[in-house]
Amino acid sequence: MPVIADPFLLPDMLKRGQRLLGLDLGTKTIGLAISDPGFSVASPIGTIRRTKFTQDAMELARLVKDREVGALVLGLPINMDGSEGPRAASTRQFAANLIERADLFGADPQIGFWDERLSTSAVTRMMIEADMTRKRRGEVVDKMAAAYILQGFLDALANRRRLARLAEEENEGGEP
């Protein structure tokens, strides 16, 4: 289960019908979101209350198998200046630990990182604007942040594919 530096390669590595699972790694919970098979929409699906790493990995492996997931997209908490701090190092270590426990996953899903800067604050702001109670926000913020992260990646992927199509059409149209 290699860690992929360029998450844009992930969809091309999957079997037809497989999905992406977005993760927002917190200290107490892991927020979860899943894509549709066409990589257009991210939907929040829940959280995993963090315990021991092996138990967390087993729960992720179960989700990967049950939901036909071919790749994981981990939110990478990059600092506002673009540097990586302790939380980013922790996320990278989590991915490395998953690689070491690839035996749990069977089909070896791929792993990619996506910049999660301001995802939790953006989701919290949206929930406050929706007049959601503090208690309810606390219950859903992690899975909503995972969906926000995954949707950000899916939108960037769609934009990249659209630009590639436009460039291809321009090249085809410009030849005599």
Protein backbone atom coordinates (compact mmCIF):
# COMPACT_ATOMS: atom_id res chain seq x y z
CA MET A 1 0.00 0.00 0.00
CA PRO A 2 2.28 2.80 -1.18
CA VAL A 3 1.73 6.39 -0.11
CA ILE A 4 1.12 8.45 -3.23
CA ALA A 5 2.64 11.92 -3.24
CA ASP A 6 0.31 13.08 -6.03
CA PRO A 7 -3.31 12.34 -5.07
CA PHE A 8 -4.40 13.12 -8.64
CA LEU A 9 -3.03 9.70 -9.63
CA LEU A 10 -5.34 7.85 -7.24
CA PRO A 11 -8.53 7.61 -9.37
CA ASP A 12 -6.63 6.08 -12.29
CA MET A 13 -5.26 3.36 -10.00
CA LEU A 14 -8.68 2.13 -8.90
CA LYS A 15 -10.87 -0.60 -10.29
CA ARG A 16 -14.15 0.41 -11.87
CA GLY A 17 -16.75 1.28 -9.22
CA GLN A 18 -14.29 1.81 -6.39
CA ARG A 19 -14.57 4.91 -4.22
CA LEU A 20 -12.33 7.23 -2.25
CA LEU A 21 -12.52 7.41 1.54
CA GLY A 22 -11.65 10.81 3.01
CA LEU A 23 -10.21 10.98 6.52
CA ASP A 24 -9.96 13.91 8.91
CA LEU A 25 -7.55 12.69 11.59
CA GLY A 26 -8.19 14.22 14.96
CA THR A 27 -6.69 13.33 18.32
CA LYS A 28 -9.98 11.86 19.59
CA THR A 29 -11.83 10.88 16.41
CA ILE A 30 -11.33 10.18 12.73
CA GLY A 31 -13.91 11.89 10.53
CA LEU A 32 -15.00 9.84 7.52
CA ALA A 33 -16.44 10.75 4.14
CA ILE A 34 -16.87 8.71 0.97
CA SER A 35 -16.98 9.64 -2.69
CA ASP A 36 -19.39 8.37 -5.26
CA PRO A 37 -17.82 5.99 -7.84
CA GLY A 38 -17.69 8.85 -10.38
CA PHE A 39 -15.57 11.02 -8.02
CA SER A 40 -18.01 13.95 -8.06
CA VAL A 41 -19.57 14.09 -4.59
CA ALA A 42 -18.21 13.54 -1.09
CA SER A 43 -20.69 12.42 1.58
CA PRO A 44 -20.00 12.34 5.32
CA ILE A 45 -20.48 8.83 6.71
CA GLY A 46 -19.42 8.99 10.35
CA THR A 47 -16.53 8.96 12.75
CA ILE A 48 -14.29 6.45 14.43
CA ARG A 49 -13.57 7.11 18.09
CA ARG A 50 -9.79 6.74 18.29
CA THR A 51 -8.43 4.03 20.54
CA LYS A 52 -5.36 1.94 19.82
CA PHE A 53 -3.91 2.23 16.32
CA THR A 54 -4.55 -1.42 15.45
CA GLN A 55 -8.23 -1.13 16.38
CA ASP A 56 -8.54 2.08 14.35
CA ALA A 57 -6.84 0.39 11.37
CA MET A 58 -9.14 -2.63 11.68
CA GLU A 59 -12.21 -0.36 11.59
CA LEU A 60 -10.83 1.44 8.53
CA ALA A 61 -10.11 -1.90 6.85
CA ARG A 62 -13.70 -2.98 7.49
CA LEU A 63 -14.99 0.23 5.89
CA VAL A 64 -12.66 -0.20 2.92
CA LYS A 65 -14.04 -3.68 2.30
CA ASP A 66 -17.71 -2.89 3.02
CA ARG A 67 -17.81 0.34 0.97
CA GLU A 68 -15.70 -0.74 -2.02
CA VAL A 69 -12.96 1.79 -1.28
CA GLY A 70 -9.85 1.73 -3.42
CA ALA A 71 -7.93 4.66 -1.95
CA LEU A 72 -7.72 6.80 1.16
CA VAL A 73 -7.39 10.58 1.05
CA LEU A 74 -5.98 11.85 4.34
CA GLY A 75 -6.36 15.50 5.23
CA LEU A 76 -2.86 16.88 5.74
CA PRO A 77 -2.83 19.75 8.27
CA ILE A 78 -0.40 22.14 6.62
CA ASN A 79 0.39 25.41 8.40
CA MET A 80 -0.85 28.65 6.86
CA ASP A 81 2.70 29.46 5.69
CA GLY A 82 2.86 26.15 3.81
CA SER A 83 5.16 24.42 6.28
CA GLU A 84 4.40 21.16 8.04
CA GLY A 85 4.27 20.98 11.79
CA PRO A 86 3.71 18.25 14.37
CA ARG A 87 0.14 17.51 13.25
CA ALA A 88 1.25 16.94 9.65
CA ALA A 89 4.04 14.68 10.90
CA SER A 90 1.47 12.75 12.93
CA THR A 91 -0.73 12.33 9.84
CA ARG A 92 2.22 11.10 7.78
CA GLN A 93 3.09 8.66 10.57
CA PHE A 94 -0.50 7.40 10.64
CA ALA A 95 -0.22 6.66 6.90
CA ALA A 96 3.13 4.92 7.42
CA ASN A 97 1.57 2.81 10.18
CA LEU A 98 -1.27 1.85 7.82
CA ILE A 99 1.30 0.72 5.27
CA GLU A 100 2.89 -1.50 7.92
CA ARG A 101 -0.55 -3.03 8.59
CA ALA A 102 -1.46 -3.52 4.92
CA ASP A 103 -2.32 -7.12 5.79
CA LEU A 104 -5.57 -5.85 7.35
CA PHE A 105 -6.75 -4.34 4.07
CA GLY A 106 -6.49 -7.29 1.73
CA ALA A 107 -6.78 -5.37 -1.55
CA ASP A 108 -4.19 -2.75 -0.54
CA PRO A 109 -5.89 0.62 -0.97
CA GLN A 110 -3.68 3.49 -2.03
CA ILE A 111 -3.09 6.53 0.20
CA GLY A 112 -2.86 10.18 -0.78
CA PHE A 113 -2.72 13.45 1.15
CA TRP A 114 -4.81 16.57 0.58
CA ASP A 115 -4.26 19.98 2.15
CA GLU A 116 -6.86 20.47 4.88
CA ARG A 117 -6.03 24.03 5.89
CA LEU A 118 -9.04 25.70 7.50
CA SER A 119 -11.39 22.76 6.83
CA THR A 120 -12.63 22.44 10.40
CA SER A 121 -13.04 26.19 10.83
CA ALA A 122 -14.88 26.48 7.50
CA VAL A 123 -17.24 23.65 8.44
CA THR A 124 -17.78 25.09 11.92
CA ARG A 125 -18.56 28.50 10.44
CA MET A 126 -21.13 26.93 8.06
CA MET A 127 -22.77 25.08 10.95
CA ILE A 128 -22.94 28.25 13.06
CA GLU A 129 -24.51 30.10 10.13
CA ALA A 130 -27.04 27.26 9.89
CA ASP A 131 -27.84 27.92 13.57
CA MET A 132 -26.73 24.47 14.66
CA THR A 133 -26.35 24.00 18.41
CA ARG A 134 -22.88 23.66 19.91
CA LYS A 135 -23.67 20.10 20.98
CA ARG A 136 -24.81 19.10 17.49
CA ARG A 137 -21.77 20.77 15.91
CA GLY A 138 -19.53 18.72 18.17
CA GLU A 139 -21.28 15.54 17.04
CA VAL A 140 -20.86 16.15 13.31
CA VAL A 141 -17.87 18.47 12.78
CA ASP A 142 -15.30 15.70 12.16
CA LYS A 143 -17.29 13.85 9.50
CA MET A 144 -18.29 17.15 7.89
CA ALA A 145 -14.62 18.22 7.85
CA ALA A 146 -13.73 14.90 6.18
CA ALA A 147 -16.39 15.58 3.53
CA TYR A 148 -15.08 19.13 3.07
CA ILE A 149 -11.53 17.82 2.58
CA LEU A 150 -12.60 15.07 0.18
CA GLN A 151 -14.91 17.41 -1.76
CA GLY A 152 -12.04 19.89 -2.12
CA PHE A 153 -9.95 17.15 -3.67
CA LEU A 154 -12.80 15.97 -5.94
CA ASP A 155 -13.40 19.54 -7.14
CA ALA A 156 -9.69 20.01 -7.87
CA LEU A 157 -9.65 16.66 -9.69
CA ALA A 158 -12.66 17.65 -11.83
CA ASN A 159 -11.06 21.02 -12.63
CA ARG A 160 -7.77 19.38 -13.57
CA ARG A 161 -9.56 16.92 -15.86
CA ARG A 162 -11.59 19.73 -17.44
CA LEU A 163 -8.44 21.76 -18.13
CA ALA A 164 -6.73 18.70 -19.63
CA ARG A 165 -9.73 18.15 -21.95
CA LEU A 166 -9.69 21.80 -23.01
CA ALA A 167 -5.96 21.65 -23.74
CA GLU A 168 -6.45 18.45 -25.74
CA GLU A 169 -9.30 20.00 -27.74
CA GLU A 170 -7.19 23.09 -28.39
CA ASN A 171 -4.30 20.95 -29.63
CA GLU A 172 -6.59 18.95 -31.91
CA GLY A 173 -8.25 22.10 -33.28
CA GLY A 174 -4.99 23.93 -33.88
CA GLU A 175 -3.46 21.34 -36.22
CA PRO A 176 -3.92 21.77 -40.02
